[in-house]
Amino acid sequence: MTTQQQQLAPSIEELEEQEQRLTFDRFTYDDAWALGSLMVELARERRLPVAIDIHRGGQQLFHAALPGSAPDNDAWIVRKRRVVERYGAASYLVGSRFRAKGTTFENSSRLDADTYAAHGGSFPIRLEHAGIIGAVTVSGLPQVEDHRLVVAALEKFLGRPAQAPVGSTD
């Protein structure tokens, strides 16, 4: 990660706050379609070359590949989603926790890097009273930007605007 990306990266506390705030009361097939369509709209407005995927309970409910994306993005989606499913947290948060310990997910998780990727872009679909039931994932941008696109879409979809950064006096 470059110095500029590190400066733009949210803290672990911010990432944990996002997960607490961005929970669902319910998540239906129609919700998956609406959220996925919103993400496609946001990506098209910004001309982002991404693939977007929404899974619930092992079933793919939404998938879109926008111009400039590639088959490799689908492989990244699967690897990022597996991290969410295994760790119960956003793929970027999992990677950040390893980096905070002075190591990397690849060096310390003991998991196959061809199967798991703790890179930003996959976020848990968490129900208020049931826990994690799926994941929404984006691939095609630098990992911080993949993560931010998912979070922006969830904030808009759920009507829960971004909070001030942890430790902010604003």
N, C-alpha and C. Protein backbone atom coordinates (compact mmCIF):
# COMPACT_ATOMS: atom_id res chain seq x y z
N MET A 1 0.85 -1.18 0.00
CA MET A 1 0.00 0.00 0.00
C MET A 1 0.89 1.24 0.00
N THR A 2 0.59 2.20 -0.87
CA THR A 2 1.39 3.41 -0.95
C THR A 2 1.09 4.31 0.24
N THR A 3 1.95 5.30 0.47
CA THR A 3 1.74 6.25 1.56
C THR A 3 0.43 6.99 1.39
N GLN A 4 0.11 7.37 0.15
CA GLN A 4 -1.14 8.08 -0.10
C GLN A 4 -2.34 7.20 0.23
N GLN A 5 -2.29 5.92 -0.17
CA GLN A 5 -3.38 5.02 0.15
C GLN A 5 -3.51 4.83 1.65
N GLN A 6 -2.38 4.75 2.38
CA GLN A 6 -2.43 4.60 3.83
C GLN A 6 -3.09 5.81 4.47
N GLN A 7 -2.81 7.01 3.95
CA GLN A 7 -3.43 8.22 4.49
C GLN A 7 -4.93 8.23 4.26
N LEU A 8 -5.39 7.66 3.14
CA LEU A 8 -6.80 7.63 2.82
C LEU A 8 -7.53 6.47 3.49
N ALA A 9 -6.78 5.51 4.00
CA ALA A 9 -7.37 4.30 4.56
C ALA A 9 -8.10 4.60 5.87
N PRO A 10 -9.30 4.05 6.01
CA PRO A 10 -10.01 4.22 7.29
C PRO A 10 -9.32 3.41 8.39
N SER A 11 -9.47 3.88 9.61
CA SER A 11 -8.89 3.18 10.76
C SER A 11 -9.73 1.93 11.07
N ILE A 12 -9.17 1.05 11.87
CA ILE A 12 -9.91 -0.13 12.30
C ILE A 12 -11.18 0.28 13.03
N GLU A 13 -11.10 1.33 13.84
CA GLU A 13 -12.29 1.80 14.55
C GLU A 13 -13.37 2.28 13.58
N GLU A 14 -12.97 2.99 12.53
CA GLU A 14 -13.93 3.44 11.52
C GLU A 14 -14.55 2.26 10.79
N LEU A 15 -13.74 1.27 10.46
CA LEU A 15 -14.24 0.09 9.76
C LEU A 15 -15.24 -0.68 10.65
N GLU A 16 -14.92 -0.81 11.92
CA GLU A 16 -15.83 -1.49 12.86
C GLU A 16 -17.13 -0.71 13.02
N GLU A 17 -17.04 0.62 13.05
CA GLU A 17 -18.24 1.47 13.15
C GLU A 17 -19.11 1.30 11.92
N GLN A 18 -18.50 1.21 10.75
CA GLN A 18 -19.27 1.00 9.51
C GLN A 18 -20.07 -0.30 9.60
N GLU A 19 -19.45 -1.35 10.09
CA GLU A 19 -20.15 -2.63 10.18
C GLU A 19 -21.31 -2.57 11.17
N GLN A 20 -21.13 -1.86 12.26
CA GLN A 20 -22.21 -1.72 13.24
C GLN A 20 -23.37 -0.91 12.67
N ARG A 21 -23.06 0.14 11.95
CA ARG A 21 -24.08 1.06 11.42
C ARG A 21 -24.80 0.51 10.20
N LEU A 22 -24.10 -0.24 9.38
CA LEU A 22 -24.66 -0.67 8.09
C LEU A 22 -25.22 -2.09 8.19
N THR A 23 -26.25 -2.24 9.01
CA THR A 23 -26.94 -3.51 9.17
C THR A 23 -28.35 -3.39 8.60
N PHE A 24 -28.92 -4.51 8.26
CA PHE A 24 -30.24 -4.59 7.65
C PHE A 24 -31.26 -5.14 8.63
N ASP A 25 -32.51 -4.70 8.49
CA ASP A 25 -33.62 -5.31 9.22
C ASP A 25 -34.04 -6.60 8.53
N ARG A 26 -33.92 -6.60 7.19
CA ARG A 26 -34.26 -7.75 6.36
C ARG A 26 -33.44 -7.63 5.09
N PHE A 27 -33.34 -8.74 4.34
CA PHE A 27 -32.64 -8.69 3.06
C PHE A 27 -33.26 -9.72 2.14
N THR A 28 -34.07 -9.24 1.20
CA THR A 28 -34.82 -10.10 0.29
C THR A 28 -34.16 -10.13 -1.09
N TYR A 29 -34.72 -10.95 -1.97
CA TYR A 29 -34.27 -10.97 -3.36
C TYR A 29 -34.43 -9.58 -3.98
N ASP A 30 -35.55 -8.93 -3.69
CA ASP A 30 -35.78 -7.59 -4.22
C ASP A 30 -34.77 -6.59 -3.68
N ASP A 31 -34.40 -6.74 -2.41
CA ASP A 31 -33.37 -5.86 -1.83
C ASP A 31 -32.04 -6.06 -2.54
N ALA A 32 -31.70 -7.31 -2.85
CA ALA A 32 -30.45 -7.59 -3.56
C ALA A 32 -30.46 -6.91 -4.93
N TRP A 33 -31.57 -7.02 -5.62
CA TRP A 33 -31.68 -6.38 -6.94
C TRP A 33 -31.56 -4.86 -6.82
N ALA A 34 -32.26 -4.28 -5.85
CA ALA A 34 -32.24 -2.83 -5.68
C ALA A 34 -30.84 -2.34 -5.28
N LEU A 35 -30.19 -3.02 -4.35
CA LEU A 35 -28.85 -2.63 -3.93
C LEU A 35 -27.86 -2.80 -5.08
N GLY A 36 -27.93 -3.92 -5.76
CA GLY A 36 -27.03 -4.15 -6.90
C GLY A 36 -27.23 -3.11 -7.99
N SER A 37 -28.48 -2.79 -8.28
CA SER A 37 -28.78 -1.78 -9.30
C SER A 37 -28.26 -0.41 -8.90
N LEU A 38 -28.38 -0.07 -7.60
CA LEU A 38 -27.84 1.18 -7.08
C LEU A 38 -26.32 1.21 -7.26
N MET A 39 -25.68 0.10 -6.98
CA MET A 39 -24.22 0.04 -7.11
C MET A 39 -23.80 0.21 -8.57
N VAL A 40 -24.53 -0.42 -9.47
CA VAL A 40 -24.24 -0.25 -10.90
C VAL A 40 -24.40 1.22 -11.29
N GLU A 41 -25.46 1.85 -10.81
CA GLU A 41 -25.69 3.26 -11.12
C GLU A 41 -24.54 4.13 -10.61
N LEU A 42 -24.11 3.90 -9.36
CA LEU A 42 -23.00 4.68 -8.80
C LEU A 42 -21.72 4.45 -9.61
N ALA A 43 -21.46 3.20 -9.96
CA ALA A 43 -20.24 2.88 -10.71
C ALA A 43 -20.29 3.49 -12.12
N ARG A 44 -21.45 3.45 -12.75
CA ARG A 44 -21.56 4.04 -14.09
C ARG A 44 -21.37 5.56 -14.05
N GLU A 45 -21.98 6.21 -13.05
CA GLU A 45 -21.82 7.66 -12.91
C GLU A 45 -20.35 8.04 -12.80
N ARG A 46 -19.57 7.20 -12.12
CA ARG A 46 -18.15 7.46 -11.88
C ARG A 46 -17.25 6.80 -12.93
N ARG A 47 -17.87 6.11 -13.89
CA ARG A 47 -17.14 5.39 -14.95
C ARG A 47 -16.10 4.43 -14.36
N LEU A 48 -16.54 3.62 -13.43
CA LEU A 48 -15.64 2.69 -12.75
C LEU A 48 -15.68 1.31 -13.41
N PRO A 49 -14.53 0.74 -13.67
CA PRO A 49 -14.44 -0.57 -14.33
C PRO A 49 -14.52 -1.72 -13.31
N VAL A 50 -15.70 -1.94 -12.77
CA VAL A 50 -15.84 -2.90 -11.67
C VAL A 50 -16.81 -4.03 -12.01
N ALA A 51 -16.66 -5.10 -11.25
CA ALA A 51 -17.64 -6.17 -11.20
C ALA A 51 -18.28 -6.09 -9.82
N ILE A 52 -19.57 -6.37 -9.75
CA ILE A 52 -20.35 -6.25 -8.52
C ILE A 52 -21.07 -7.57 -8.29
N ASP A 53 -21.08 -8.02 -7.04
CA ASP A 53 -21.67 -9.31 -6.72
C ASP A 53 -22.37 -9.25 -5.36
N ILE A 54 -23.54 -9.87 -5.28
CA ILE A 54 -24.25 -9.99 -4.00
C ILE A 54 -24.63 -11.45 -3.82
N HIS A 55 -24.19 -12.01 -2.70
CA HIS A 55 -24.49 -13.40 -2.33
C HIS A 55 -25.27 -13.42 -1.01
N ARG A 56 -26.18 -14.36 -0.90
CA ARG A 56 -26.89 -14.59 0.37
C ARG A 56 -27.02 -16.09 0.54
N GLY A 57 -26.53 -16.59 1.67
CA GLY A 57 -26.68 -18.00 1.98
C GLY A 57 -26.18 -18.94 0.90
N GLY A 58 -25.07 -18.60 0.28
CA GLY A 58 -24.50 -19.46 -0.74
C GLY A 58 -25.10 -19.30 -2.12
N GLN A 59 -26.07 -18.40 -2.27
CA GLN A 59 -26.70 -18.18 -3.57
C GLN A 59 -26.35 -16.80 -4.11
N GLN A 60 -25.94 -16.75 -5.36
CA GLN A 60 -25.68 -15.47 -6.01
C GLN A 60 -27.02 -14.84 -6.38
N LEU A 61 -27.29 -13.66 -5.81
CA LEU A 61 -28.55 -12.96 -6.07
C LEU A 61 -28.40 -11.84 -7.09
N PHE A 62 -27.15 -11.36 -7.27
CA PHE A 62 -26.91 -10.25 -8.21
C PHE A 62 -25.47 -10.32 -8.68
N HIS A 63 -25.27 -10.05 -9.97
CA HIS A 63 -23.93 -9.92 -10.50
C HIS A 63 -23.97 -9.00 -11.72
N ALA A 64 -23.00 -8.11 -11.79
CA ALA A 64 -22.87 -7.22 -12.95
C ALA A 64 -21.39 -6.98 -13.20
N ALA A 65 -21.05 -6.96 -14.47
CA ALA A 65 -19.68 -6.63 -14.88
C ALA A 65 -19.77 -5.41 -15.79
N LEU A 66 -19.13 -4.34 -15.40
CA LEU A 66 -19.20 -3.09 -16.15
C LEU A 66 -18.01 -2.99 -17.10
N PRO A 67 -18.12 -2.12 -18.12
CA PRO A 67 -17.02 -1.96 -19.09
C PRO A 67 -15.70 -1.67 -18.38
N GLY A 68 -14.68 -2.37 -18.82
CA GLY A 68 -13.35 -2.22 -18.23
C GLY A 68 -13.04 -3.28 -17.18
N SER A 69 -14.06 -3.97 -16.70
CA SER A 69 -13.80 -5.06 -15.76
C SER A 69 -13.33 -6.27 -16.56
N ALA A 70 -12.83 -7.28 -15.84
CA ALA A 70 -12.26 -8.45 -16.50
C ALA A 70 -12.64 -9.72 -15.74
N PRO A 71 -12.48 -10.87 -16.36
CA PRO A 71 -12.77 -12.13 -15.66
C PRO A 71 -12.00 -12.27 -14.34
N ASP A 72 -10.82 -11.69 -14.27
CA ASP A 72 -10.04 -11.74 -13.03
C ASP A 72 -10.79 -11.10 -11.87
N ASN A 73 -11.61 -10.10 -12.15
CA ASN A 73 -12.39 -9.46 -11.08
C ASN A 73 -13.34 -10.46 -10.42
N ASP A 74 -13.89 -11.37 -11.20
CA ASP A 74 -14.78 -12.38 -10.62
C ASP A 74 -14.01 -13.30 -9.67
N ALA A 75 -12.78 -13.64 -10.02
CA ALA A 75 -11.96 -14.47 -9.13
C ALA A 75 -11.66 -13.72 -7.83
N TRP A 76 -11.37 -12.42 -7.93
CA TRP A 76 -11.13 -11.62 -6.72
C TRP A 76 -12.40 -11.56 -5.86
N ILE A 77 -13.54 -11.42 -6.49
CA ILE A 77 -14.81 -11.36 -5.75
C ILE A 77 -14.97 -12.62 -4.89
N VAL A 78 -14.75 -13.77 -5.48
CA VAL A 78 -14.89 -15.03 -4.75
C VAL A 78 -13.93 -15.09 -3.57
N ARG A 79 -12.67 -14.72 -3.80
CA ARG A 79 -11.66 -14.78 -2.74
C ARG A 79 -11.96 -13.80 -1.60
N LYS A 80 -12.41 -12.59 -1.94
CA LYS A 80 -12.76 -11.60 -0.91
C LYS A 80 -13.98 -12.07 -0.11
N ARG A 81 -15.00 -12.58 -0.83
CA ARG A 81 -16.22 -13.04 -0.16
C ARG A 81 -15.91 -14.17 0.83
N ARG A 82 -15.00 -15.05 0.46
CA ARG A 82 -14.63 -16.15 1.37
C ARG A 82 -14.06 -15.62 2.68
N VAL A 83 -13.34 -14.51 2.63
CA VAL A 83 -12.81 -13.89 3.86
C VAL A 83 -13.97 -13.42 4.74
N VAL A 84 -14.95 -12.77 4.15
CA VAL A 84 -16.13 -12.32 4.92
C VAL A 84 -16.82 -13.52 5.55
N GLU A 85 -17.01 -14.57 4.77
CA GLU A 85 -17.70 -15.75 5.27
C GLU A 85 -16.92 -16.43 6.40
N ARG A 86 -15.61 -16.47 6.29
CA ARG A 86 -14.79 -17.15 7.30
C ARG A 86 -14.59 -16.32 8.56
N TYR A 87 -14.35 -15.01 8.40
CA TYR A 87 -14.01 -14.16 9.54
C TYR A 87 -15.19 -13.36 10.09
N GLY A 88 -16.30 -13.30 9.36
CA GLY A 88 -17.46 -12.56 9.84
C GLY A 88 -17.22 -11.07 9.90
N ALA A 89 -16.41 -10.56 8.99
CA ALA A 89 -16.09 -9.13 8.96
C ALA A 89 -15.72 -8.75 7.52
N ALA A 90 -15.78 -7.45 7.24
CA ALA A 90 -15.42 -6.95 5.92
C ALA A 90 -14.00 -7.39 5.56
N SER A 91 -13.79 -7.70 4.31
CA SER A 91 -12.47 -8.16 3.87
C SER A 91 -11.39 -7.11 4.14
N TYR A 92 -11.73 -5.84 4.00
CA TYR A 92 -10.75 -4.78 4.26
C TYR A 92 -10.42 -4.71 5.75
N LEU A 93 -11.42 -4.88 6.61
CA LEU A 93 -11.19 -4.87 8.06
C LEU A 93 -10.29 -6.04 8.45
N VAL A 94 -10.52 -7.21 7.90
CA VAL A 94 -9.68 -8.37 8.22
C VAL A 94 -8.23 -8.09 7.83
N GLY A 95 -8.01 -7.60 6.62
CA GLY A 95 -6.65 -7.27 6.20
C GLY A 95 -6.02 -6.18 7.06
N SER A 96 -6.83 -5.19 7.45
CA SER A 96 -6.32 -4.09 8.29
C SER A 96 -5.90 -4.59 9.66
N ARG A 97 -6.63 -5.54 10.20
CA ARG A 97 -6.26 -6.09 11.51
C ARG A 97 -4.91 -6.80 11.44
N PHE A 98 -4.66 -7.52 10.37
CA PHE A 98 -3.36 -8.17 10.21
C PHE A 98 -2.26 -7.11 10.06
N ARG A 99 -2.52 -6.08 9.24
CA ARG A 99 -1.51 -5.02 9.05
C ARG A 99 -1.23 -4.30 10.36
N ALA A 100 -2.24 -4.11 11.20
CA ALA A 100 -2.06 -3.44 12.49
C ALA A 100 -1.14 -4.25 13.42
N LYS A 101 -1.07 -5.55 13.19
CA LYS A 101 -0.19 -6.42 13.98
C LYS A 101 1.21 -6.49 13.37
N GLY A 102 1.43 -5.73 12.31
CA GLY A 102 2.75 -5.70 11.69
C GLY A 102 3.02 -6.86 10.74
N THR A 103 1.96 -7.47 10.25
CA THR A 103 2.11 -8.60 9.35
C THR A 103 1.11 -8.45 8.21
N THR A 104 0.94 -9.49 7.43
CA THR A 104 -0.06 -9.47 6.37
C THR A 104 -0.94 -10.71 6.50
N PHE A 105 -2.10 -10.62 5.94
CA PHE A 105 -3.02 -11.75 5.90
C PHE A 105 -2.34 -12.94 5.21
N GLU A 106 -1.68 -12.67 4.09
CA GLU A 106 -1.05 -13.72 3.31
C GLU A 106 0.03 -14.45 4.11
N ASN A 107 0.79 -13.71 4.93
CA ASN A 107 1.88 -14.31 5.69
C ASN A 107 1.42 -14.98 6.98
N SER A 108 0.32 -14.54 7.55
CA SER A 108 -0.04 -15.00 8.90
C SER A 108 -1.35 -15.76 9.04
N SER A 109 -2.20 -15.75 8.04
CA SER A 109 -3.51 -16.39 8.20
C SER A 109 -3.45 -17.91 8.08
N ARG A 110 -2.42 -18.42 7.44
CA ARG A 110 -2.27 -19.85 7.17
C ARG A 110 -3.32 -20.36 6.19
N LEU A 111 -3.89 -19.43 5.41
CA LEU A 111 -4.88 -19.78 4.40
C LEU A 111 -4.28 -19.61 3.01
N ASP A 112 -4.78 -20.37 2.07
CA ASP A 112 -4.29 -20.34 0.69
C ASP A 112 -4.68 -19.02 0.02
N ALA A 113 -3.69 -18.27 -0.45
CA ALA A 113 -3.93 -16.97 -1.10
C ALA A 113 -4.69 -17.12 -2.41
N ASP A 114 -4.73 -18.31 -2.97
CA ASP A 114 -5.53 -18.54 -4.18
C ASP A 114 -7.00 -18.76 -3.85
N THR A 115 -7.31 -18.92 -2.56
CA THR A 115 -8.67 -19.17 -2.11
C THR A 115 -9.24 -18.00 -1.33
N TYR A 116 -8.39 -17.26 -0.60
CA TYR A 116 -8.82 -16.15 0.26
C TYR A 116 -8.01 -14.89 -0.05
N ALA A 117 -8.70 -13.74 -0.04
CA ALA A 117 -8.01 -12.45 -0.23
C ALA A 117 -8.62 -11.42 0.72
N ALA A 118 -7.81 -10.99 1.69
CA ALA A 118 -8.26 -9.98 2.64
C ALA A 118 -7.95 -8.59 2.08
N HIS A 119 -8.49 -8.32 0.91
CA HIS A 119 -8.36 -7.02 0.25
C HIS A 119 -9.73 -6.36 0.28
N GLY A 120 -9.76 -5.05 0.32
CA GLY A 120 -11.01 -4.33 0.41
C GLY A 120 -11.96 -4.60 -0.73
N GLY A 121 -13.26 -4.59 -0.39
CA GLY A 121 -14.27 -4.72 -1.42
C GLY A 121 -15.40 -5.67 -1.10
N SER A 122 -15.28 -6.49 -0.06
CA SER A 122 -16.38 -7.37 0.32
C SER A 122 -16.85 -6.98 1.71
N PHE A 123 -18.15 -6.81 1.84
CA PHE A 123 -18.75 -6.30 3.08
C PHE A 123 -19.87 -7.24 3.49
N PRO A 124 -19.95 -7.57 4.78
CA PRO A 124 -21.00 -8.50 5.21
C PRO A 124 -22.40 -7.90 5.12
N ILE A 125 -23.33 -8.74 4.72
CA ILE A 125 -24.75 -8.40 4.82
C ILE A 125 -25.18 -8.96 6.17
N ARG A 126 -25.40 -8.05 7.11
CA ARG A 126 -25.68 -8.45 8.49
C ARG A 126 -27.10 -8.03 8.84
N LEU A 127 -27.88 -9.00 9.29
CA LEU A 127 -29.24 -8.72 9.77
C LEU A 127 -29.18 -8.36 11.24
N GLU A 128 -30.01 -7.40 11.62
CA GLU A 128 -30.04 -6.88 12.99
C GLU A 128 -30.07 -7.99 14.04
N HIS A 129 -30.93 -8.97 13.89
CA HIS A 129 -31.11 -9.99 14.92
C HIS A 129 -30.72 -11.39 14.47
N ALA A 130 -29.99 -11.50 13.36
CA ALA A 130 -29.64 -12.83 12.86
C ALA A 130 -28.16 -12.99 12.52
N GLY A 131 -27.43 -11.90 12.42
CA GLY A 131 -26.02 -11.99 12.07
C GLY A 131 -25.79 -11.94 10.56
N ILE A 132 -24.64 -12.43 10.13
CA ILE A 132 -24.24 -12.34 8.73
C ILE A 132 -24.94 -13.43 7.92
N ILE A 133 -25.57 -12.97 6.83
CA ILE A 133 -26.28 -13.91 5.95
C ILE A 133 -25.71 -13.90 4.53
N GLY A 134 -24.77 -13.02 4.26
CA GLY A 134 -24.22 -12.92 2.91
C GLY A 134 -23.17 -11.83 2.82
N ALA A 135 -22.87 -11.44 1.58
CA ALA A 135 -21.86 -10.41 1.35
C ALA A 135 -22.15 -9.69 0.04
N VAL A 136 -21.79 -8.41 0.04
CA VAL A 136 -21.82 -7.61 -1.18
C VAL A 136 -20.36 -7.28 -1.49
N THR A 137 -19.97 -7.50 -2.76
CA THR A 137 -18.56 -7.41 -3.10
C THR A 137 -18.36 -6.65 -4.41
N VAL A 138 -17.27 -5.87 -4.44
CA VAL A 138 -16.86 -5.13 -5.63
C VAL A 138 -15.39 -5.45 -5.90
N SER A 139 -15.03 -5.55 -7.17
CA SER A 139 -13.64 -5.72 -7.56
C SER A 139 -13.37 -4.93 -8.84
N GLY A 140 -12.19 -4.32 -8.88
CA GLY A 140 -11.78 -3.59 -10.08
C GLY A 140 -10.98 -2.34 -9.79
N LEU A 141 -11.01 -1.90 -8.55
CA LEU A 141 -10.32 -0.67 -8.14
C LEU A 141 -9.27 -1.01 -7.09
N PRO A 142 -8.41 -0.05 -6.72
CA PRO A 142 -7.56 -0.28 -5.56
C PRO A 142 -8.44 -0.63 -4.35
N GLN A 143 -7.92 -1.45 -3.44
CA GLN A 143 -8.76 -2.02 -2.39
C GLN A 143 -9.50 -0.99 -1.53
N VAL A 144 -8.89 0.14 -1.22
CA VAL A 144 -9.58 1.16 -0.42
C VAL A 144 -10.79 1.69 -1.20
N GLU A 145 -10.61 1.88 -2.50
CA GLU A 145 -11.70 2.40 -3.33
C GLU A 145 -12.81 1.38 -3.51
N ASP A 146 -12.46 0.10 -3.67
CA ASP A 146 -13.48 -0.95 -3.70
C ASP A 146 -14.31 -0.90 -2.43
N HIS A 147 -13.64 -0.83 -1.29
CA HIS A 147 -14.33 -0.78 0.01
C HIS A 147 -15.23 0.45 0.09
N ARG A 148 -14.70 1.60 -0.27
CA ARG A 148 -15.48 2.84 -0.18
C ARG A 148 -16.71 2.82 -1.09
N LEU A 149 -16.62 2.20 -2.26
CA LEU A 149 -17.77 2.11 -3.15
C LEU A 149 -18.88 1.28 -2.50
N VAL A 150 -18.52 0.15 -1.91
CA VAL A 150 -19.52 -0.68 -1.24
C VAL A 150 -20.16 0.09 -0.08
N VAL A 151 -19.35 0.74 0.73
CA VAL A 151 -19.87 1.49 1.88
C VAL A 151 -20.78 2.63 1.42
N ALA A 152 -20.38 3.37 0.40
CA ALA A 152 -21.21 4.47 -0.10
C ALA A 152 -22.57 3.95 -0.57
N ALA A 153 -22.57 2.82 -1.26
CA ALA A 153 -23.83 2.25 -1.74
C ALA A 153 -24.70 1.80 -0.57
N LEU A 154 -24.10 1.15 0.42
CA LEU A 154 -24.87 0.71 1.59
C LEU A 154 -25.43 1.89 2.36
N GLU A 155 -24.64 2.94 2.52
CA GLU A 155 -25.12 4.14 3.22
C GLU A 155 -26.33 4.73 2.50
N LYS A 156 -26.24 4.82 1.20
CA LYS A 156 -27.34 5.38 0.42
C LYS A 156 -28.56 4.45 0.47
N PHE A 157 -28.35 3.17 0.28
CA PHE A 157 -29.44 2.20 0.27
C PHE A 157 -30.16 2.16 1.61
N LEU A 158 -29.39 2.17 2.69
CA LEU A 158 -29.97 2.07 4.03
C LEU A 158 -30.40 3.43 4.61
N GLY A 159 -30.02 4.51 3.92
CA GLY A 159 -30.36 5.84 4.42
C GLY A 159 -29.62 6.19 5.69
N ARG A 160 -28.38 5.71 5.78
CA ARG A 160 -27.55 5.95 6.98
C ARG A 160 -26.28 6.66 6.55
N PRO A 161 -26.28 7.97 6.59
CA PRO A 161 -25.12 8.73 6.11
C PRO A 161 -23.86 8.43 6.93
N ALA A 162 -22.74 8.71 6.31
CA ALA A 162 -21.44 8.49 6.96
C ALA A 162 -21.35 9.26 8.25
N GLN A 163 -20.68 8.66 9.21
CA GLN A 163 -20.42 9.30 10.49
C GLN A 163 -19.10 10.05 10.39
N ALA A 164 -18.90 11.02 11.31
CA ALA A 164 -17.61 11.69 11.38
C ALA A 164 -16.57 10.65 11.78
N PRO A 165 -15.35 10.75 11.25
CA PRO A 165 -14.30 9.79 11.61
C PRO A 165 -14.11 9.73 13.12
N VAL A 166 -13.77 8.56 13.62
CA VAL A 166 -13.52 8.37 15.04
C VAL A 166 -12.43 9.31 15.47
N GLY A 167 -12.65 10.00 16.58
CA GLY A 167 -11.67 10.94 17.08
C GLY A 167 -11.80 12.32 16.49
N SER A 168 -12.76 12.51 15.57
CA SER A 168 -12.97 13.81 14.95
C SER A 168 -13.69 14.73 15.90
N THR A 169 -13.41 16.02 15.81
CA THR A 169 -14.08 16.99 16.68
C THR A 169 -15.20 17.70 15.95
N ASP A 170 -15.47 17.31 14.70
CA ASP A 170 -16.55 17.93 13.92
C ASP A 170 -17.91 17.48 14.38
